[in-house]
PDB file of all heavy atoms in Angstrom:
ATOM      1  N   LEU A   1     -31.883  79.119 160.364  1.00  0.00           N
ATOM      2  CA  LEU A   1     -30.613  79.014 159.676  1.00  0.00           C
ATOM      3  C   LEU A   1     -30.822  78.973 158.160  1.00  0.00           C
ATOM      4  O   LEU A   1     -30.023  79.483 157.404  1.00  0.00           O
ATOM      5  CB  LEU A   1     -29.866  77.786 160.140  1.00  0.00           C
ATOM      6  CG  LEU A   1     -28.484  77.515 159.502  1.00  0.00           C
ATOM      7  CD1 LEU A   1     -27.521  78.627 159.938  1.00  0.00           C
ATOM      8  CD2 LEU A   1     -27.972  76.181 159.892  1.00  0.00           C
ATOM      9  N   GLY A   2     -31.936  78.382 157.727  1.00  0.00           N
ATOM     10  CA  GLY A   2     -32.193  78.228 156.312  1.00  0.00           C
ATOM     11  C   GLY A   2     -32.508  79.520 155.614  1.00  0.00           C
ATOM     12  O   GLY A   2     -32.185  79.682 154.414  1.00  0.00           O
ATOM     13  N   ILE A   3     -33.154  80.433 156.285  1.00  0.00           N
ATOM     14  CA  ILE A   3     -33.557  81.697 155.645  1.00  0.00           C
ATOM     15  C   ILE A   3     -32.312  82.514 155.222  1.00  0.00           C
ATOM     16  O   ILE A   3     -32.193  82.835 154.024  1.00  0.00           O
ATOM     17  CB  ILE A   3     -34.485  82.530 156.584  1.00  0.00           C
ATOM     18  CG1 ILE A   3     -35.839  81.808 156.701  1.00  0.00           C
ATOM     19  CG2 ILE A   3     -34.668  83.942 156.084  1.00  0.00           C
ATOM     20  CD1 ILE A   3     -36.732  82.394 157.762  1.00  0.00           C
ATOM     21  N   PRO A   4     -31.376  82.849 156.081  1.00  0.00           N
ATOM     22  CA  PRO A   4     -30.207  83.600 155.598  1.00  0.00           C
ATOM     23  C   PRO A   4     -29.349  82.807 154.638  1.00  0.00           C
ATOM     24  O   PRO A   4     -28.749  83.352 153.712  1.00  0.00           O
ATOM     25  CB  PRO A   4     -29.436  83.959 156.866  1.00  0.00           C
ATOM     26  CG  PRO A   4     -30.103  83.337 157.985  1.00  0.00           C
ATOM     27  CD  PRO A   4     -31.344  82.688 157.532  1.00  0.00           C
ATOM     28  N   LEU A   5     -29.304  81.475 154.835  1.00  0.00           N
ATOM     29  CA  LEU A   5     -28.522  80.651 153.931  1.00  0.00           C
ATOM     30  C   LEU A   5     -29.154  80.662 152.530  1.00  0.00           C
ATOM     31  O   LEU A   5     -28.416  80.791 151.550  1.00  0.00           O
ATOM     32  CB  LEU A   5     -28.437  79.236 154.443  1.00  0.00           C
ATOM     33  CG  LEU A   5     -27.484  78.290 153.766  1.00  0.00           C
ATOM     34  CD1 LEU A   5     -26.062  78.795 153.907  1.00  0.00           C
ATOM     35  CD2 LEU A   5     -27.598  76.912 154.340  1.00  0.00           C
ATOM     36  N   GLY A   6     -30.457  80.582 152.445  1.00  0.00           N
ATOM     37  CA  GLY A   6     -31.124  80.642 151.157  1.00  0.00           C
ATOM     38  C   GLY A   6     -30.955  82.007 150.478  1.00  0.00           C
ATOM     39  O   GLY A   6     -30.737  82.082 149.268  1.00  0.00           O
ATOM     40  N   VAL A   7     -31.051  83.073 151.281  1.00  0.00           N
ATOM     41  CA  VAL A   7     -30.867  84.417 150.705  1.00  0.00           C
ATOM     42  C   VAL A   7     -29.438  84.565 150.213  1.00  0.00           C
ATOM     43  O   VAL A   7     -29.201  85.158 149.147  1.00  0.00           O
ATOM     44  CB  VAL A   7     -31.209  85.487 151.780  1.00  0.00           C
ATOM     45  CG1 VAL A   7     -30.767  86.847 151.340  1.00  0.00           C
ATOM     46  CG2 VAL A   7     -32.696  85.468 152.064  1.00  0.00           C
ATOM     47  N   ALA A   8     -28.461  84.056 150.955  1.00  0.00           N
ATOM     48  CA  ALA A   8     -27.057  84.173 150.522  1.00  0.00           C
ATOM     49  C   ALA A   8     -26.816  83.380 149.229  1.00  0.00           C
ATOM     50  O   ALA A   8     -26.128  83.874 148.329  1.00  0.00           O
ATOM     51  CB  ALA A   8     -26.131  83.659 151.634  1.00  0.00           C
ATOM     52  N   ILE A   9     -27.359  82.202 149.137  1.00  0.00           N
ATOM     53  CA  ILE A   9     -27.169  81.392 147.914  1.00  0.00           C
ATOM     54  C   ILE A   9     -27.834  82.063 146.730  1.00  0.00           C
ATOM     55  O   ILE A   9     -27.263  82.174 145.655  1.00  0.00           O
ATOM     56  CB  ILE A   9     -27.706  79.976 148.146  1.00  0.00           C
ATOM     57  CG1 ILE A   9     -26.831  79.229 149.123  1.00  0.00           C
ATOM     58  CG2 ILE A   9     -27.801  79.208 146.796  1.00  0.00           C
ATOM     59  CD1 ILE A   9     -27.382  77.904 149.580  1.00  0.00           C
ATOM     60  N   PHE A  10     -29.053  82.563 146.940  1.00  0.00           N
ATOM     61  CA  PHE A  10     -29.767  83.236 145.858  1.00  0.00           C
ATOM     62  C   PHE A  10     -29.031  84.481 145.403  1.00  0.00           C
ATOM     63  O   PHE A  10     -28.865  84.742 144.206  1.00  0.00           O
ATOM     64  CB  PHE A  10     -31.171  83.590 146.315  1.00  0.00           C
ATOM     65  CG  PHE A  10     -31.969  84.347 145.285  1.00  0.00           C
ATOM     66  CD1 PHE A  10     -32.464  83.705 144.150  1.00  0.00           C
ATOM     67  CD2 PHE A  10     -32.189  85.721 145.422  1.00  0.00           C
ATOM     68  CE1 PHE A  10     -33.171  84.424 143.202  1.00  0.00           C
ATOM     69  CE2 PHE A  10     -32.912  86.436 144.506  1.00  0.00           C
ATOM     70  CZ  PHE A  10     -33.385  85.768 143.380  1.00  0.00           C
ATOM     71  N   SER A  11     -28.552  85.281 146.360  1.00  0.00           N
ATOM     72  CA  SER A  11     -27.885  86.519 145.977  1.00  0.00           C
ATOM     73  C   SER A  11     -26.531  86.240 145.315  1.00  0.00           C
ATOM     74  O   SER A  11     -26.119  86.906 144.371  1.00  0.00           O
ATOM     75  CB  SER A  11     -27.671  87.433 147.185  1.00  0.00           C
ATOM     76  OG  SER A  11     -26.863  86.756 148.161  1.00  0.00           O
ATOM     77  N   TYR A  12     -25.831  85.196 145.756  1.00  0.00           N
ATOM     78  CA  TYR A  12     -24.577  84.832 145.108  1.00  0.00           C
ATOM     79  C   TYR A  12     -24.823  84.396 143.679  1.00  0.00           C
ATOM     80  O   TYR A  12     -24.074  84.785 142.767  1.00  0.00           O
ATOM     81  CB  TYR A  12     -23.878  83.700 145.894  1.00  0.00           C
ATOM     82  CG  TYR A  12     -22.603  83.223 145.241  1.00  0.00           C
ATOM     83  CD1 TYR A  12     -21.446  83.986 145.315  1.00  0.00           C
ATOM     84  CD2 TYR A  12     -22.544  82.050 144.518  1.00  0.00           C
ATOM     85  CE1 TYR A  12     -20.290  83.588 144.701  1.00  0.00           C
ATOM     86  CE2 TYR A  12     -21.393  81.625 143.900  1.00  0.00           C
ATOM     87  CZ  TYR A  12     -20.251  82.394 143.997  1.00  0.00           C
ATOM     88  OH  TYR A  12     -19.105  81.967 143.382  1.00  0.00           O
ATOM     89  N   TYR A  13     -25.878  83.614 143.464  1.00  0.00           N
ATOM     90  CA  TYR A  13     -26.200  83.175 142.109  1.00  0.00           C
ATOM     91  C   TYR A  13     -26.545  84.383 141.222  1.00  0.00           C
ATOM     92  O   TYR A  13     -26.090  84.454 140.090  1.00  0.00           O
ATOM     93  CB  TYR A  13     -27.353  82.186 142.152  1.00  0.00           C
ATOM     94  CG  TYR A  13     -27.834  81.815 140.781  1.00  0.00           C
ATOM     95  CD1 TYR A  13     -27.110  80.938 139.999  1.00  0.00           C
ATOM     96  CD2 TYR A  13     -29.012  82.329 140.263  1.00  0.00           C
ATOM     97  CE1 TYR A  13     -27.544  80.576 138.723  1.00  0.00           C
ATOM     98  CE2 TYR A  13     -29.447  82.003 139.003  1.00  0.00           C
ATOM     99  CZ  TYR A  13     -28.728  81.122 138.231  1.00  0.00           C
ATOM    100  OH  TYR A  13     -29.152  80.812 136.970  1.00  0.00           O
ATOM    101  N   GLU A  14     -27.362  85.285 141.741  1.00  0.00           N
ATOM    102  CA  GLU A  14     -27.779  86.439 140.949  1.00  0.00           C
ATOM    103  C   GLU A  14     -26.611  87.376 140.670  1.00  0.00           C
ATOM    104  O   GLU A  14     -26.573  87.985 139.602  1.00  0.00           O
ATOM    105  CB  GLU A  14     -28.897  87.201 141.644  1.00  0.00           C
ATOM    106  CG  GLU A  14     -30.211  86.433 141.654  1.00  0.00           C
ATOM    107  CD  GLU A  14     -30.779  86.243 140.251  1.00  0.00           C
ATOM    108  OE1 GLU A  14     -30.655  87.147 139.420  1.00  0.00           O
ATOM    109  OE2 GLU A  14     -31.314  85.156 140.021  1.00  0.00           O
ATOM    110  N   LEU A  15     -25.674  87.494 141.578  1.00  0.00           N
ATOM    111  CA  LEU A  15     -24.554  88.391 141.354  1.00  0.00           C
ATOM    112  C   LEU A  15     -23.504  87.767 140.450  1.00  0.00           C
ATOM    113  O   LEU A  15     -22.819  88.475 139.700  1.00  0.00           O
ATOM    114  CB  LEU A  15     -23.881  88.744 142.678  1.00  0.00           C
ATOM    115  CG  LEU A  15     -24.698  89.707 143.564  1.00  0.00           C
ATOM    116  CD1 LEU A  15     -24.002  89.863 144.900  1.00  0.00           C
ATOM    117  CD2 LEU A  15     -24.813  91.071 142.885  1.00  0.00           C
ATOM    118  N   SER A  16     -23.381  86.439 140.454  1.00  0.00           N
ATOM    119  CA  SER A  16     -22.325  85.832 139.660  1.00  0.00           C
ATOM    120  C   SER A  16     -22.810  85.378 138.272  1.00  0.00           C
ATOM    121  O   SER A  16     -22.002  85.193 137.403  1.00  0.00           O
ATOM    122  CB  SER A  16     -21.754  84.610 140.412  1.00  0.00           C
ATOM    123  OG  SER A  16     -22.758  83.634 140.585  1.00  0.00           O
ATOM    124  N   TYR A  17     -24.105  85.236 138.067  1.00  0.00           N
ATOM    125  CA  TYR A  17     -24.617  84.804 136.774  1.00  0.00           C
ATOM    126  C   TYR A  17     -24.684  85.982 135.833  1.00  0.00           C
ATOM    127  O   TYR A  17     -25.346  86.975 136.081  1.00  0.00           O
ATOM    128  CB  TYR A  17     -26.003  84.167 136.914  1.00  0.00           C
ATOM    129  CG  TYR A  17     -26.563  83.695 135.606  1.00  0.00           C
ATOM    130  CD1 TYR A  17     -26.019  82.619 134.933  1.00  0.00           C
ATOM    131  CD2 TYR A  17     -27.640  84.342 135.036  1.00  0.00           C
ATOM    132  CE1 TYR A  17     -26.534  82.186 133.744  1.00  0.00           C
ATOM    133  CE2 TYR A  17     -28.170  83.933 133.836  1.00  0.00           C
ATOM    134  CZ  TYR A  17     -27.622  82.850 133.191  1.00  0.00           C
ATOM    135  OH  TYR A  17     -28.130  82.433 132.004  1.00  0.00           O
ATOM    136  N   VAL A  18     -23.963  85.875 134.735  1.00  0.00           N
ATOM    137  CA  VAL A  18     -23.906  86.969 133.770  1.00  0.00           C
ATOM    138  C   VAL A  18     -24.965  86.780 132.692  1.00  0.00           C
ATOM    139  O   VAL A  18     -25.552  87.764 132.220  1.00  0.00           O
ATOM    140  CB  VAL A  18     -22.489  87.068 133.137  1.00  0.00           C
ATOM    141  CG1 VAL A  18     -22.443  88.143 132.084  1.00  0.00           C
ATOM    142  CG2 VAL A  18     -21.459  87.262 134.203  1.00  0.00           C
ATOM    143  N   GLY A  19     -25.232  85.554 132.289  1.00  0.00           N
ATOM    144  CA  GLY A  19     -26.172  85.337 131.228  1.00  0.00           C
ATOM    145  C   GLY A  19     -25.525  85.437 129.871  1.00  0.00           C
ATOM    146  O   GLY A  19     -24.316  85.540 129.708  1.00  0.00           O
ATOM    147  N   ASP A  20     -26.351  85.422 128.850  1.00  0.00           N
ATOM    148  CA  ASP A  20     -25.837  85.516 127.484  1.00  0.00           C
ATOM    149  C   ASP A  20     -25.617  86.980 127.135  1.00  0.00           C
ATOM    150  O   ASP A  20     -26.534  87.784 127.125  1.00  0.00           O
ATOM    151  CB  ASP A  20     -26.827  84.908 126.517  1.00  0.00           C
ATOM    152  CG  ASP A  20     -26.978  83.419 126.748  1.00  0.00           C
ATOM    153  OD1 ASP A  20     -26.021  82.775 127.181  1.00  0.00           O
ATOM    154  OD2 ASP A  20     -28.117  82.879 126.518  1.00  0.00           O
ATOM    155  N   VAL A  21     -24.362  87.284 126.880  1.00  0.00           N
ATOM    156  CA  VAL A  21     -24.006  88.651 126.525  1.00  0.00           C
ATOM    157  C   VAL A  21     -23.858  88.703 124.994  1.00  0.00           C
ATOM    158  O   VAL A  21     -23.021  88.004 124.415  1.00  0.00           O
ATOM    159  CB  VAL A  21     -22.691  89.101 127.190  1.00  0.00           C
ATOM    160  CG1 VAL A  21     -22.333  90.518 126.795  1.00  0.00           C
ATOM    161  CG2 VAL A  21     -22.811  88.983 128.696  1.00  0.00           C
ATOM    162  N   PRO A  22     -24.670  89.496 124.316  1.00  0.00           N
ATOM    163  CA  PRO A  22     -24.560  89.549 122.857  1.00  0.00           C
ATOM    164  C   PRO A  22     -23.257  90.246 122.457  1.00  0.00           C
ATOM    165  O   PRO A  22     -22.768  91.153 123.126  1.00  0.00           O
ATOM    166  CB  PRO A  22     -25.772  90.350 122.428  1.00  0.00           C
ATOM    167  CG  PRO A  22     -26.150  91.180 123.626  1.00  0.00           C
ATOM    168  CD  PRO A  22     -25.748  90.364 124.821  1.00  0.00           C
ATOM    169  N   GLN A  23     -22.706  89.777 121.339  1.00  0.00           N
ATOM    170  CA  GLN A  23     -21.491  90.366 120.836  1.00  0.00           C
ATOM    171  C   GLN A  23     -21.814  91.747 120.202  1.00  0.00           C
ATOM    172  O   GLN A  23     -22.746  91.876 119.456  1.00  0.00           O
ATOM    173  CB  GLN A  23     -20.842  89.471 119.784  1.00  0.00           C
ATOM    174  CG  GLN A  23     -20.400  88.147 120.315  1.00  0.00           C
ATOM    175  CD  GLN A  23     -19.233  88.264 121.251  1.00  0.00           C
ATOM    176  OE1 GLN A  23     -18.414  89.214 121.111  1.00  0.00           O
ATOM    177  NE2 GLN A  23     -19.139  87.384 122.214  1.00  0.00           N
ATOM    178  N   LYS A  24     -21.036  92.748 120.575  1.00  0.00           N
ATOM    179  CA  LYS A  24     -21.238  94.057 120.001  1.00  0.00           C
ATOM    180  C   LYS A  24     -20.523  94.187 118.662  1.00  0.00           C
ATOM    181  O   LYS A  24     -19.409  93.709 118.507  1.00  0.00           O
ATOM    182  CB  LYS A  24     -20.717  95.137 120.950  1.00  0.00           C
ATOM    183  CG  LYS A  24     -21.541  95.313 122.178  1.00  0.00           C
ATOM    184  CD  LYS A  24     -21.104  96.523 122.967  1.00  0.00           C
ATOM    185  CE  LYS A  24     -21.973  96.743 124.178  1.00  0.00           C
ATOM    186  NZ  LYS A  24     -21.594  97.928 124.896  1.00  0.00           N
ATOM    187  N   GLN A  25     -21.179  94.824 117.784  1.00  0.00           N
ATOM    188  CA  GLN A  25     -20.616  95.084 116.468  1.00  0.00           C
ATOM    189  C   GLN A  25     -19.746  96.330 116.584  1.00  0.00           C
ATOM    190  O   GLN A  25     -20.101  97.305 117.221  1.00  0.00           O
ATOM    191  CB  GLN A  25     -21.720  95.304 115.434  1.00  0.00           C
ATOM    192  CG  GLN A  25     -22.631  94.139 115.230  1.00  0.00           C
ATOM    193  CD  GLN A  25     -21.899  92.932 114.671  1.00  0.00           C
ATOM    194  OE1 GLN A  25     -20.905  93.058 113.923  1.00  0.00           O
ATOM    195  NE2 GLN A  25     -22.344  91.745 115.018  1.00  0.00           N
ATOM    196  N   PRO A  26     -18.565  96.303 115.977  1.00  0.00           N
ATOM    197  CA  PRO A  26     -17.710  97.497 116.061  1.00  0.00           C
ATOM    198  C   PRO A  26     -18.400  98.682 115.343  1.00  0.00           C
ATOM    199  O   PRO A  26     -18.924  98.553 114.227  1.00  0.00           O
ATOM    200  CB  PRO A  26     -16.431  97.094 115.321  1.00  0.00           C
ATOM    201  CG  PRO A  26     -16.777  95.867 114.567  1.00  0.00           C
ATOM    202  CD  PRO A  26     -17.966  95.220 115.210  1.00  0.00           C
ATOM    203  N   GLU A  27     -18.471  99.751 116.072  1.00  0.00           N
ATOM    204  CA  GLU A  27     -19.125 100.936 115.511  1.00  0.00           C
ATOM    205  C   GLU A  27     -18.107 101.902 114.968  1.00  0.00           C
ATOM    206  O   GLU A  27     -16.943 101.893 115.365  1.00  0.00           O
ATOM    207  CB  GLU A  27     -19.960 101.615 116.606  1.00  0.00           C
ATOM    208  CG  GLU A  27     -21.103 100.767 117.116  1.00  0.00           C
ATOM    209  CD  GLU A  27     -21.865 101.439 118.225  1.00  0.00           C
ATOM    210  OE1 GLU A  27     -21.550 102.605 118.538  1.00  0.00           O
ATOM    211  OE2 GLU A  27     -22.763 100.799 118.773  1.00  0.00           O
ATOM    212  N   LYS A  28     -18.577 102.788 114.122  1.00  0.00           N
ATOM    213  CA  LYS A  28     -17.724 103.811 113.589  1.00  0.00           C
ATOM    214  C   LYS A  28     -17.439 104.823 114.692  1.00  0.00           C
ATOM    215  O   LYS A  28     -18.360 105.269 115.404  1.00  0.00           O
ATOM    216  CB  LYS A  28     -18.404 104.505 112.404  1.00  0.00           C
ATOM    217  CG  LYS A  28     -17.552 105.520 111.740  1.00  0.00           C
ATOM    218  CD  LYS A  28     -18.318 106.131 110.582  1.00  0.00           C
ATOM    219  CE  LYS A  28     -17.533 107.261 109.997  1.00  0.00           C
ATOM    220  NZ  LYS A  28     -18.274 107.957 108.966  1.00  0.00           N
ATOM    221  N   THR A  29     -16.197 105.150 114.893  1.00  0.00           N
ATOM    222  CA  THR A  29     -15.875 106.095 115.978  1.00  0.00           C
ATOM    223  C   THR A  29     -16.317 107.483 115.561  1.00  0.00           C
ATOM    224  O   THR A  29     -16.083 107.941 114.447  1.00  0.00           O
ATOM    225  CB  THR A  29     -14.350 106.095 116.244  1.00  0.00           C
ATOM    226  OG1 THR A  29     -13.679 106.424 115.049  1.00  0.00           O
ATOM    227  CG2 THR A  29     -13.891 104.768 116.787  1.00  0.00           C
ATOM    228  N   PRO A  30     -16.967 108.199 116.476  1.00  0.00           N
ATOM    229  CA  PRO A  30     -17.419 109.531 116.140  1.00  0.00           C
ATOM    230  C   PRO A  30     -16.253 110.504 116.143  1.00  0.00           C
ATOM    231  O   PRO A  30     -15.213 110.270 116.745  1.00  0.00           O
ATOM    232  CB  PRO A  30     -18.398 109.874 117.274  1.00  0.00           C
ATOM    233  CG  PRO A  30     -17.941 109.037 118.405  1.00  0.00           C
ATOM    234  CD  PRO A  30     -17.394 107.778 117.817  1.00  0.00           C
ATOM    235  N   ASP A  31     -16.440 111.604 115.423  1.00  0.00           N
ATOM    236  CA  ASP A  31     -15.413 112.631 115.378  1.00  0.00           C
ATOM    237  C   ASP A  31     -15.367 113.302 116.743  1.00  0.00           C
ATOM    238  O   ASP A  31     -16.392 113.742 117.282  1.00  0.00           O
ATOM    239  CB  ASP A  31     -15.736 113.657 114.299  1.00  0.00           C
ATOM    240  CG  ASP A  31     -15.665 113.028 112.928  1.00  0.00           C
ATOM    241  OD1 ASP A  31     -14.883 112.051 112.736  1.00  0.00           O
ATOM    242  OD2 ASP A  31     -16.395 113.525 112.027  1.00  0.00           O
ATOM    243  N   LEU A  32     -14.188 113.374 117.305  1.00  0.00           N
ATOM    244  CA  LEU A  32     -14.027 113.956 118.630  1.00  0.00           C
ATOM    245  C   LEU A  32     -13.685 115.429 118.525  1.00  0.00           C
ATOM    246  O   LEU A  32     -12.898 115.856 117.667  1.00  0.00           O
ATOM    247  CB  LEU A  32     -12.929 113.236 119.379  1.00  0.00           C
ATOM    248  CG  LEU A  32     -13.144 111.752 119.653  1.00  0.00           C
ATOM    249  CD1 LEU A  32     -11.918 111.184 120.346  1.00  0.00           C
ATOM    250  CD2 LEU A  32     -14.368 111.553 120.504  1.00  0.00           C
TER     251      LEU A  32
END
């Protein structure tokens, strides 16, 4: 029972954890 439960907890954590997302600097829009 512990093996699938551990895998489910680990995968849920990895899927839901975003981490530190750096702020993007606004870029100049290219000519379209």
